[in-house]
C-alpha atoms as a PDB file:
ATOM      1  CA  MET A   1      23.445 118.678  21.130  1.00  0.00           C
ATOM      2  CA  ALA A   2      24.369 116.662  17.326  1.00  0.00           C
ATOM      3  CA  GLY A   3      21.687 118.899  14.394  1.00  0.00           C
ATOM      4  CA  HIS A   4      19.848 116.998  12.842  1.00  0.00           C
ATOM      5  CA  ILE A   5      21.165 117.031   9.189  1.00  0.00           C
ATOM      6  CA  ASP A   6      18.926 113.373   7.560  1.00  0.00           C
ATOM      7  CA  PRO A   7      16.065 111.894   8.667  1.00  0.00           C
ATOM      8  CA  SER A   8      15.499 109.310  11.486  1.00  0.00           C
ATOM      9  CA  ARG A   9      14.641 106.649  10.203  1.00  0.00           C
ATOM     10  CA  GLU A  10      11.444 106.275  12.049  1.00  0.00           C
ATOM     11  CA  ASN A  11      10.146 109.502  10.506  1.00  0.00           C
ATOM     12  CA  TRP A  12      11.117 108.612   7.135  1.00  0.00           C
ATOM     13  CA  GLN A  13       8.729 105.996   7.381  1.00  0.00           C
ATOM     14  CA  ARG A  14       5.933 108.149   8.662  1.00  0.00           C
ATOM     15  CA  PHE A  15       7.268 109.691   5.751  1.00  0.00           C
ATOM     16  CA  LYS A  16       6.516 106.858   3.565  1.00  0.00           C
ATOM     17  CA  VAL A  17       3.143 105.772   5.135  1.00  0.00           C
ATOM     18  CA  LEU A  18       0.856 108.767   4.159  1.00  0.00           C
ATOM     19  CA  PRO A  19      -0.712 109.252   0.414  1.00  0.00           C
ATOM     20  CA  ARG A  20       1.900 110.046  -1.758  1.00  0.00           C
ATOM     21  CA  ASP A  21      -0.905 110.402  -4.759  1.00  0.00           C
ATOM     22  CA  ARG A  22      -1.287 114.314  -3.986  1.00  0.00           C
ATOM     23  CA  PRO A  23       0.523 116.958  -3.852  1.00  0.00           C
ATOM     24  CA  ILE A  24       3.240 117.787  -0.656  1.00  0.00           C
ATOM     25  CA  GLN A  25       4.713 120.856   0.351  1.00  0.00           C
ATOM     26  CA  MET A  26       8.367 121.021   2.470  1.00  0.00           C
ATOM     27  CA  LEU A  27       9.538 123.483   5.181  1.00  0.00           C
ATOM     28  CA  ASN A  28      12.192 123.474   5.199  1.00  0.00           C
ATOM     29  CA  LEU A  29      14.590 125.687   8.593  1.00  0.00           C
ATOM     30  CA  ILE A  30      18.800 125.431   8.241  1.00  0.00           C
ATOM     31  CA  LYS A  31      20.950 126.751  10.512  1.00  0.00           C
ATOM     32  CA  PHE A  32      24.565 127.263   8.414  1.00  0.00           C
ATOM     33  CA  ARG A  33      28.058 125.049   9.592  1.00  0.00           C
ATOM     34  CA  ASP A  34      30.063 128.395  10.231  1.00  0.00           C
ATOM     35  CA  PHE A  35      32.746 127.014   7.308  1.00  0.00           C
ATOM     36  CA  ALA A  36      31.103 124.508   5.534  1.00  0.00           C
ATOM     37  CA  ASP A  37      33.273 120.506   6.421  1.00  0.00           C
ATOM     38  CA  TYR A  38      33.814 118.727   3.280  1.00  0.00           C
ATOM     39  CA  PRO A  39      35.176 115.183   3.541  1.00  0.00           C
ATOM     40  CA  ALA A  40      38.891 114.842   2.753  1.00  0.00           C
ATOM     41  CA  ASP A  41      38.948 113.979  -1.218  1.00  0.00           C
ATOM     42  CA  HIS A  42      35.903 115.611  -2.271  1.00  0.00           C
ATOM     43  CA  PRO A  43      36.675 118.861  -4.514  1.00  0.00           C
ATOM     44  CA  ASN A  44      35.561 121.688  -2.247  1.00  0.00           C
ATOM     45  CA  HIS A  45      37.817 120.456   0.766  1.00  0.00           C
ATOM     46  CA  GLY A  46      39.942 122.904   2.354  1.00  0.00           C
ATOM     47  CA  LYS A  47      39.079 126.095  -0.221  1.00  0.00           C
ATOM     48  CA  GLY A  48      37.178 127.893   2.866  1.00  0.00           C
ATOM     49  CA  LEU A  49      33.464 127.816   1.645  1.00  0.00           C
ATOM     50  CA  THR A  50      31.135 129.038   4.330  1.00  0.00           C
ATOM     51  CA  GLY A  51      28.182 126.916   4.829  1.00  0.00           C
ATOM     52  CA  ARG A  52      26.110 129.032   3.033  1.00  0.00           C
ATOM     53  CA  GLU A  53      28.060 129.538   0.205  1.00  0.00           C
ATOM     54  CA  ALA A  54      27.797 125.374   0.119  1.00  0.00           C
ATOM     55  CA  TYR A  55      24.104 125.111   0.491  1.00  0.00           C
ATOM     56  CA  GLU A  56      23.494 127.374  -2.474  1.00  0.00           C
ATOM     57  CA  ILE A  57      25.635 124.967  -4.266  1.00  0.00           C
ATOM     58  CA  TYR A  58      23.731 122.328  -2.560  1.00  0.00           C
ATOM     59  CA  LYS A  59      19.991 124.170  -3.552  1.00  0.00           C
ATOM     60  CA  ALA A  60      21.669 125.284  -7.128  1.00  0.00           C
ATOM     61  CA  GLY A  61      22.213 121.204  -7.826  1.00  0.00           C
ATOM     62  CA  PHE A  62      18.645 120.360  -6.398  1.00  0.00           C
ATOM     63  CA  GLN A  63      16.754 122.783  -8.012  1.00  0.00           C
ATOM     64  CA  ARG A  64      18.067 121.521 -11.455  1.00  0.00           C
ATOM     65  CA  LEU A  65      17.882 118.032 -10.996  1.00  0.00           C
ATOM     66  CA  VAL A  66      13.745 118.174  -9.743  1.00  0.00           C
ATOM     67  CA  ALA A  67      13.061 121.180 -11.940  1.00  0.00           C
ATOM     68  CA  ASP A  68      11.083 118.636 -15.080  1.00  0.00           C
ATOM     69  CA  ASP A  69       9.546 116.758 -11.805  1.00  0.00           C
ATOM     70  CA  GLY A  70       7.596 119.622 -11.095  1.00  0.00           C
ATOM     71  CA  ALA A  71       8.461 120.683  -7.841  1.00  0.00           C
ATOM     72  CA  ALA A  72       9.097 124.089  -7.265  1.00  0.00           C
ATOM     73  CA  MET A  73      10.799 126.267  -4.872  1.00  0.00           C
ATOM     74  CA  ILE A  74       7.180 127.635  -3.436  1.00  0.00           C
ATOM     75  CA  TRP A  75       8.852 130.553  -1.151  1.00  0.00           C
ATOM     76  CA  GLN A  76      11.621 131.682  -0.384  1.00  0.00           C
ATOM     77  CA  ALA A  77      12.412 135.490   1.502  1.00  0.00           C
ATOM     78  CA  PRO A  78      15.406 136.771   3.024  1.00  0.00           C
ATOM     79  CA  MET A  79      14.704 136.536   7.316  1.00  0.00           C
ATOM     80  CA  GLU A  80      14.408 140.014   9.149  1.00  0.00           C
ATOM     81  CA  CYS A  81      14.098 139.107  12.942  1.00  0.00           C
ATOM     82  CA  VAL A  82      12.658 136.405  15.455  1.00  0.00           C
ATOM     83  CA  VAL A  83       9.373 137.226  17.126  1.00  0.00           C
ATOM     84  CA  THR A  84       9.265 134.009  18.910  1.00  0.00           C
ATOM     85  CA  GLY A  85      11.900 131.518  19.957  1.00  0.00           C
ATOM     86  CA  PRO A  86      15.529 132.459  19.544  1.00  0.00           C
ATOM     87  CA  GLU A  87      17.056 134.371  17.848  1.00  0.00           C
ATOM     88  CA  GLY A  88      19.900 132.429  15.106  1.00  0.00           C
ATOM     89  CA  GLU A  89      18.470 129.242  15.917  1.00  0.00           C
ATOM     90  CA  TRP A  90      18.028 129.475  11.703  1.00  0.00           C
ATOM     91  CA  ASP A  91      19.410 131.003   9.590  1.00  0.00           C
ATOM     92  CA  GLU A  92      18.054 129.879   6.096  1.00  0.00           C
ATOM     93  CA  ALA A  93      13.800 129.306   5.786  1.00  0.00           C
ATOM     94  CA  PHE A  94      11.948 127.785   2.153  1.00  0.00           C
ATOM     95  CA  VAL A  95       8.721 125.638   1.370  1.00  0.00           C
ATOM     96  CA  MET A  96      10.007 123.302  -1.692  1.00  0.00           C
ATOM     97  CA  GLY A  97       6.038 122.393  -3.133  1.00  0.00           C
ATOM     98  CA  TYR A  98       6.528 118.867  -4.868  1.00  0.00           C
ATOM     99  CA  PRO A  99       4.002 117.544  -7.537  1.00  0.00           C
ATOM    100  CA  ASP A 100       3.587 114.324  -4.926  1.00  0.00           C
ATOM    101  CA  SER A 101       5.782 112.646  -2.676  1.00  0.00           C
ATOM    102  CA  GLY A 102       6.844 110.130  -4.763  1.00  0.00           C
ATOM    103  CA  ALA A 103       8.438 113.356  -6.789  1.00  0.00           C
ATOM    104  CA  PHE A 104      10.040 113.760  -3.453  1.00  0.00           C
ATOM    105  CA  MET A 105      11.198 109.742  -2.934  1.00  0.00           C
ATOM    106  CA  ALA A 106      12.461 109.781  -6.325  1.00  0.00           C
ATOM    107  CA  MET A 107      14.974 112.542  -5.348  1.00  0.00           C
ATOM    108  CA  VAL A 108      16.329 111.159  -2.663  1.00  0.00           C
ATOM    109  CA  LYS A 109      17.339 108.055  -4.211  1.00  0.00           C
ATOM    110  CA  ASN A 110      18.318 109.444  -7.414  1.00  0.00           C
ATOM    111  CA  ALA A 111      21.837 108.349  -8.184  1.00  0.00           C
ATOM    112  CA  GLN A 112      23.644 112.286  -9.104  1.00  0.00           C
ATOM    113  CA  TYR A 113      21.987 113.439  -6.593  1.00  0.00           C
ATOM    114  CA  ILE A 114      23.391 111.126  -3.967  1.00  0.00           C
ATOM    115  CA  ARG A 115      26.745 111.463  -5.807  1.00  0.00           C
ATOM    116  CA  ASP A 116      26.759 114.995  -6.998  1.00  0.00           C
ATOM    117  CA  VAL A 117      24.423 117.503  -4.747  1.00  0.00           C
ATOM    118  CA  VAL A 118      24.220 115.761  -1.358  1.00  0.00           C
ATOM    119  CA  PRO A 119      27.689 116.838  -0.583  1.00  0.00           C
ATOM    120  CA  HIS A 120      27.112 119.811  -0.516  1.00  0.00           C
ATOM    121  CA  ARG A 121      24.329 120.190   1.816  1.00  0.00           C
ATOM    122  CA  THR A 122      25.926 117.528   4.229  1.00  0.00           C
ATOM    123  CA  ALA A 123      28.799 119.944   4.234  1.00  0.00           C
ATOM    124  CA  ALA A 124      26.796 122.829   4.779  1.00  0.00           C
ATOM    125  CA  VAL A 125      24.155 122.316   7.506  1.00  0.00           C
ATOM    126  CA  ALA A 126      24.870 122.040  11.363  1.00  0.00           C
ATOM    127  CA  ASP A 127      21.021 121.360  11.730  1.00  0.00           C
ATOM    128  CA  SER A 128      17.829 121.231   9.726  1.00  0.00           C
ATOM    129  CA  ARG A 129      13.933 120.520   9.836  1.00  0.00           C
ATOM    130  CA  LEU A 130      12.490 118.868   7.115  1.00  0.00           C
ATOM    131  CA  ILE A 131       8.345 119.051   8.035  1.00  0.00           C
ATOM    132  CA  ARG A 132       5.746 117.608   5.885  1.00  0.00           C
ATOM    133  CA  PHE A 133       2.566 119.417   4.496  1.00  0.00           C
ATOM    134  CA  ALA A 134      -0.705 119.317   2.510  1.00  0.00           C
ATOM    135  CA  GLY A 135       0.042 120.672  -0.987  1.00  0.00           C
END
């Protein structure tokens, strides 16, 4: 079964019709590839980076881009064990907070984000979930 890396058209539409004028929090659940899968023309192609290493590059670039927009990491902690559900389903979980959904939508449309940051996420992630909560 293929992993979920980007939102489906239907899910993105549901996100866009929710209120845009209030804070939101986004739960991120991430399963890494064993090794990052960069395209042949990317500078990191063939360097042997793990999915986790590529995702750390993504998070650093992402957080630099959103810092001035009021977005911030709300919660992140190392996973210790699964109590309910299958072991190993997710490698990382964290919550990002945004002042409103407009800030999130501006970020995903930002040309620098698309060009310089997203390729690291695409290379790193085998599967993911991104779940919006009212902030």
